[in-house]
Every structure is written in structure tokens, then in C-alpha cells.
Protein backbone atom coordinates (compact mmCIF):
# COMPACT_ATOMS: atom_id res chain seq x y z
CA UNK A 1 46.59 87.40 -4.78
CA UNK A 2 47.58 86.44 -1.33
CA UNK A 3 48.21 83.01 -2.53
CA UNK A 4 50.30 83.93 -5.54
CA UNK A 5 52.60 86.37 -3.26
CA UNK A 6 52.98 83.35 -0.98
CA UNK A 7 54.29 81.20 -3.80
CA UNK A 8 56.55 83.87 -4.92
CA UNK A 9 58.10 84.14 -1.71
CA UNK A 10 58.52 80.32 -1.45
CA UNK A 11 60.54 80.58 -4.78
CA UNK A 12 62.65 83.35 -3.41
CA UNK A 13 63.34 81.33 -0.44
CA UNK A 14 64.04 78.10 -2.29
CA UNK A 15 66.60 79.99 -4.23
CA UNK A 16 68.55 80.72 -1.27
CA UNK A 17 68.02 77.44 0.58
CA UNK A 18 68.93 75.24 -2.34
CA UNK A 19 72.66 76.06 -2.85
CA UNK A 20 73.43 76.22 0.90
CA UNK A 21 71.69 73.14 1.23
CA UNK A 22 73.71 71.55 -1.64
CA UNK A 23 77.11 72.81 -0.59
CA UNK A 24 76.59 71.75 3.02
CA UNK A 25 75.37 68.22 2.09
CA UNK A 26 78.25 67.75 -0.41
CA UNK A 27 80.47 68.95 2.61
CA UNK A 28 79.28 66.49 5.09
CA UNK A 29 78.23 63.49 3.03
CA UNK A 30 81.09 63.56 0.54
CA UNK A 31 84.14 65.82 1.30
CA UNK A 32 84.57 64.95 4.99
CA UNK A 33 84.29 61.14 4.44
CA UNK A 34 86.78 61.18 1.35
CA UNK A 35 89.24 63.02 3.62
CA UNK A 36 88.97 60.83 6.83
CA UNK A 37 87.27 57.38 6.14
CA UNK A 38 89.10 54.38 4.79
CA UNK A 39 86.92 51.68 5.47
CA UNK A 40 89.36 48.84 4.27
CA UNK A 41 91.95 50.48 6.63
CA UNK A 42 90.27 50.71 10.34
CA UNK A 43 93.72 51.82 11.75
CA UNK A 44 94.02 54.61 9.09
CA UNK A 45 90.45 55.83 9.51
CA UNK A 46 91.01 56.03 13.29
CA UNK A 47 94.22 57.86 12.97
CA UNK A 48 92.82 60.23 10.34
CA UNK A 49 89.95 61.14 12.65
CA UNK A 50 92.08 61.72 15.79
CA UNK A 51 94.28 63.81 13.77
CA UNK A 52 91.24 65.87 12.28
CA UNK A 53 88.76 65.68 14.92
CA UNK A 54 87.25 69.13 14.16
CA UNK A 55 86.56 68.32 10.51
CA UNK A 56 84.83 65.02 11.52
CA UNK A 57 82.96 67.16 14.26
CA UNK A 58 82.00 69.65 11.47
CA UNK A 59 80.94 66.85 9.18
CA UNK A 60 78.57 65.61 11.91
CA UNK A 61 77.09 68.98 12.68
CA UNK A 62 76.93 69.78 8.61
CA UNK A 63 74.68 66.41 8.43
CA UNK A 64 72.29 67.70 11.04
CA UNK A 65 72.10 71.23 9.60
CA UNK A 66 71.34 69.62 6.20
CA UNK A 67 68.43 68.01 7.50
CA UNK A 68 67.21 71.23 8.89
CA UNK A 69 67.49 72.83 5.51
CA UNK A 70 65.47 69.96 4.43
CA UNK A 71 62.79 70.84 6.88
CA UNK A 72 62.85 74.45 5.44
CA UNK A 73 62.74 73.28 1.77
CA UNK A 74 59.53 71.23 2.41
CA UNK A 75 57.64 74.14 4.02
CA UNK A 76 58.43 76.20 0.98
CA UNK A 77 57.51 73.65 -1.48
CA UNK A 78 54.38 73.19 0.71
CA UNK A 79 53.59 76.78 0.32
CA UNK A 80 54.52 76.80 -3.41
CA UNK A 81 52.27 74.01 -4.38
CA UNK A 82 49.60 73.52 -1.49
CA UNK A 83 46.86 75.84 -3.31
CA UNK A 84 46.80 73.58 -6.26
CA UNK A 85 47.79 69.98 -5.34
CA UNK A 86 46.76 69.49 -1.53
CA UNK A 87 46.99 65.78 -1.40
CA UNK A 88 50.54 65.70 -3.25
CA UNK A 89 51.87 68.22 -0.91
CA UNK A 90 50.76 66.14 2.09
CA UNK A 91 52.28 63.19 0.63
CA UNK A 92 55.54 64.82 0.02
CA UNK A 93 55.80 66.09 3.42
CA UNK A 94 54.74 62.78 4.95
CA UNK A 95 57.97 61.11 3.14
CA UNK A 96 60.15 64.04 3.89
CA UNK A 97 59.38 63.76 7.71
CA UNK A 98 59.92 59.99 7.64
CA UNK A 99 63.48 60.27 6.28
CA UNK A 100 64.68 63.38 7.97
CA UNK A 101 64.62 61.95 11.68
CA UNK A 102 66.10 58.61 10.36
CA UNK A 103 68.94 60.47 8.47
CA UNK A 104 69.61 62.54 11.81
CA UNK A 105 69.80 59.53 14.05
CA UNK A 106 72.53 57.92 11.97
CA UNK A 107 74.73 60.56 13.07
CA UNK A 108 74.49 59.37 16.52
CA UNK A 109 76.72 56.46 15.34
CA UNK A 110 79.29 59.05 14.26
CA UNK A 111 79.37 60.66 17.68
CA UNK A 112 80.02 57.38 19.26
CA UNK A 113 82.96 57.07 16.99
CA UNK A 114 84.71 59.72 19.18
CA UNK A 115 84.50 57.55 22.08
CA UNK A 116 86.15 54.47 20.74
CA UNK A 117 89.24 56.02 18.59
CA UNK A 118 91.27 53.60 20.55
CA UNK A 119 89.40 50.67 18.86
CA UNK A 120 89.91 50.90 15.17
CA UNK A 121 87.68 48.05 14.07
CA UNK A 122 84.76 49.51 16.30
CA UNK A 123 85.38 52.72 14.50
CA UNK A 124 84.70 51.18 11.14
CA UNK A 125 81.80 49.12 12.44
CA UNK A 126 79.96 52.21 13.84
CA UNK A 127 80.91 54.09 10.40
CA UNK A 128 79.17 51.24 8.53
CA UNK A 129 76.40 51.13 10.63
CA UNK A 130 75.69 55.09 10.25
CA UNK A 131 76.02 54.66 6.45
CA UNK A 132 73.35 52.01 6.64
CA UNK A 133 71.22 54.47 8.44
CA UNK A 134 71.56 56.85 5.90
CA UNK A 135 70.72 54.58 3.25
CA UNK A 136 67.55 53.74 4.78
CA UNK A 137 66.82 57.34 4.70
CA UNK A 138 67.70 57.43 1.24
CA UNK A 139 64.39 55.54 0.40
CA UNK A 140 62.49 58.48 1.64
CA UNK A 141 64.66 60.83 -0.11
CA UNK A 142 63.58 59.19 -3.19
CA UNK A 143 60.08 58.75 -2.34
CA UNK A 144 59.17 62.52 -1.53
CA UNK A 145 60.62 63.49 -4.92
CA UNK A 146 57.79 61.72 -6.70
CA UNK A 147 55.09 63.72 -5.57
CA UNK A 148 57.27 67.00 -6.34
CA UNK A 149 57.75 65.40 -9.87
CA UNK A 150 53.99 65.19 -10.22
CA UNK A 151 53.44 68.58 -9.23
CA UNK A 152 55.99 70.09 -11.25
CA UNK A 153 54.64 68.27 -14.20
CA UNK A 154 51.11 69.65 -13.61
CA UNK A 155 52.27 73.15 -12.72
CA UNK A 156 52.42 75.97 -15.33
CA UNK A 157 55.17 77.47 -13.67
CA UNK A 158 57.89 75.02 -14.58
CA UNK A 159 58.90 72.94 -17.59
CA UNK A 160 57.18 69.53 -17.63
CA UNK A 161 60.39 67.82 -18.34
CA UNK A 162 61.84 69.18 -15.05
CA UNK A 163 59.07 67.03 -13.31
CA UNK A 164 59.88 63.87 -15.36
CA UNK A 165 63.55 64.30 -14.12
CA UNK A 166 62.56 64.63 -10.54
CA UNK A 167 60.67 61.47 -10.73
CA UNK A 168 63.51 59.46 -12.18
CA UNK A 169 65.60 61.12 -9.60
CA UNK A 170 63.03 59.64 -6.75
CA UNK A 171 63.34 56.23 -8.51
CA UNK A 172 66.94 56.22 -8.47
CA UNK A 173 67.29 56.98 -5.02
CA UNK A 174 64.60 54.53 -3.66
CA UNK A 175 65.67 51.65 -6.06
CA UNK A 176 69.55 51.97 -5.23
CA UNK A 177 68.63 51.71 -1.57
CA UNK A 178 66.69 48.59 -1.91
CA UNK A 179 69.34 47.43 -4.46
CA UNK A 180 72.02 47.96 -1.98
CA UNK A 181 70.20 45.66 0.75
CA UNK A 182 69.56 43.26 -1.83
CA UNK A 183 73.51 42.86 -2.58
CA UNK A 184 72.91 44.15 -6.23
CA UNK A 185 76.31 46.01 -7.55
CA UNK A 186 77.69 46.90 -10.96
CA UNK A 187 76.42 48.90 -13.61
CA UNK A 188 72.75 48.90 -12.46
CA UNK A 189 73.87 50.99 -9.25
CA UNK A 190 75.89 53.50 -11.73
CA UNK A 191 72.75 53.88 -13.83
CA UNK A 192 70.81 54.80 -10.55
CA UNK A 193 73.19 56.99 -9.41
CA UNK A 194 73.05 59.03 -12.73
CA UNK A 195 69.21 59.25 -12.32
CA UNK A 196 69.47 61.17 -9.14
CA UNK A 197 70.97 64.18 -10.99
CA UNK A 198 67.54 64.87 -12.03
CA UNK A 199 66.89 66.53 -8.41
CA UNK A 200 70.08 68.74 -9.22
CA UNK A 201 68.42 69.52 -12.47
CA UNK A 202 65.29 70.86 -10.57
CA UNK A 203 67.52 72.73 -8.14
CA UNK A 204 69.44 74.55 -10.92
CA UNK A 205 66.38 75.46 -12.61
CA UNK A 206 64.76 77.14 -9.51
CA UNK A 207 68.12 78.82 -8.76
CA UNK A 208 68.71 80.13 -12.34
CA UNK A 209 65.27 80.43 -14.00
CA UNK A 210 62.94 80.79 -10.96
CA UNK A 211 59.20 80.52 -12.01
CA UNK A 212 57.13 81.26 -15.13
CA UNK A 213 54.84 83.78 -13.38
CA UNK A 214 53.62 85.37 -16.56
CA UNK A 215 51.92 81.84 -17.33
CA UNK A 216 49.28 82.50 -14.60
CA UNK A 217 48.16 85.65 -16.36
CA UNK A 218 47.79 83.89 -19.70
């Protein structure tokens, strides 16, 4: 009974964490760069950051807080699945905790940007270096979804198809990272990007539908 209550609490917290995590992640990883960064134009990028320094700093802070939300998500997923799938939850946590510090360290290059705004080429170089760090972290963002997908498939609390979507998302993240470093471009990268929406499907399911607790009584 205690374990069941812990699982219910974990789902409740995930329903709080996921939307905050998603909004903050989109703000820091998508919105801020789209407003300030033009890698093909170092002078414009440096000028944009100087004119909107607080927005740039908020993007850095948002990236760091997003990773803290990742830690919280790992904890509650661990509480949700550990009693049934011990090895898979441990593997999930290992992959997540390898990716989180890499992603956080990549923001160090963004902080250094603020010190070289008078050197536009150096600004772009640091931003590219930060981006490469994020791509390395993406390998682990994908790998930690694979044991999650397995646990969802095996769990009576969620539809099996959601677990398969998660496995596809994990493959999409991880393969796209290696494809980037191999210099692969074009339609394959687009397909891999679409696969990552499997993670969004899982988050939406938890947020809207929650878990099927009645299946544990049948």
C-alpha cells in the first residue's frame, strides 16, 4: 500500500514538473537563441546579445534550471517504476545523471560569451562550442528514454504504445547526435527529429490522462 501511494505521488509530481520543464526548456533552448543568435553573422549576434543581455542571461539560467527539473523527473520516475523494474530504473538514472552535468557544463561557454562581446568571431566560436556540448548531452537524453520506454511497455499503468513512442524518441535523440558528428545532413535528420516527439506524447499522456490505477486492482 505504501508503494502504491508513492507511485501515485510520483505521478502527481510528474504532472507538475513536466509542463514547467517543457516550457522552460523551450524558452532557453529555442526561444532565446532564435531571438539573439545568428551564427552566420557574428557582428549581429554580438550586437543582439549586448542589447538584450538580460534575456541572454535568463536563457543561461533557464538551461540550468531545466537540468535541475531533469533531476527531479528522474527521482519521481524512479519512485514510479523502481518496485517493479529495479534494473531498468537504475540504468535510466545512470544515463540521465551522465547527461545532466554535460548539459550544465555547456552553459559555461555561454557565460564566457559575455566577456568577449567585443570580439564577435569569438562569440560565435563559444556559442558553437556550447552547442556541441549540448549535442553530446543529447546522446544521454536519448539513452535514458530507452529504459523508460521498456518500463512503460511492461507497466499496466500506461498504454504499451506510449512506451514504443518513447523508445523511438530515445533512438531519435541518440542517433541524431552521432549523425551530427558524422556530418550527416538532410532528410534523415528530419526523420530523427520527428521521432523525438515520442517523448512529448509521453509527457502529454501523463499530464492529461495520468495513470490507470484501476488496472492494479483487476
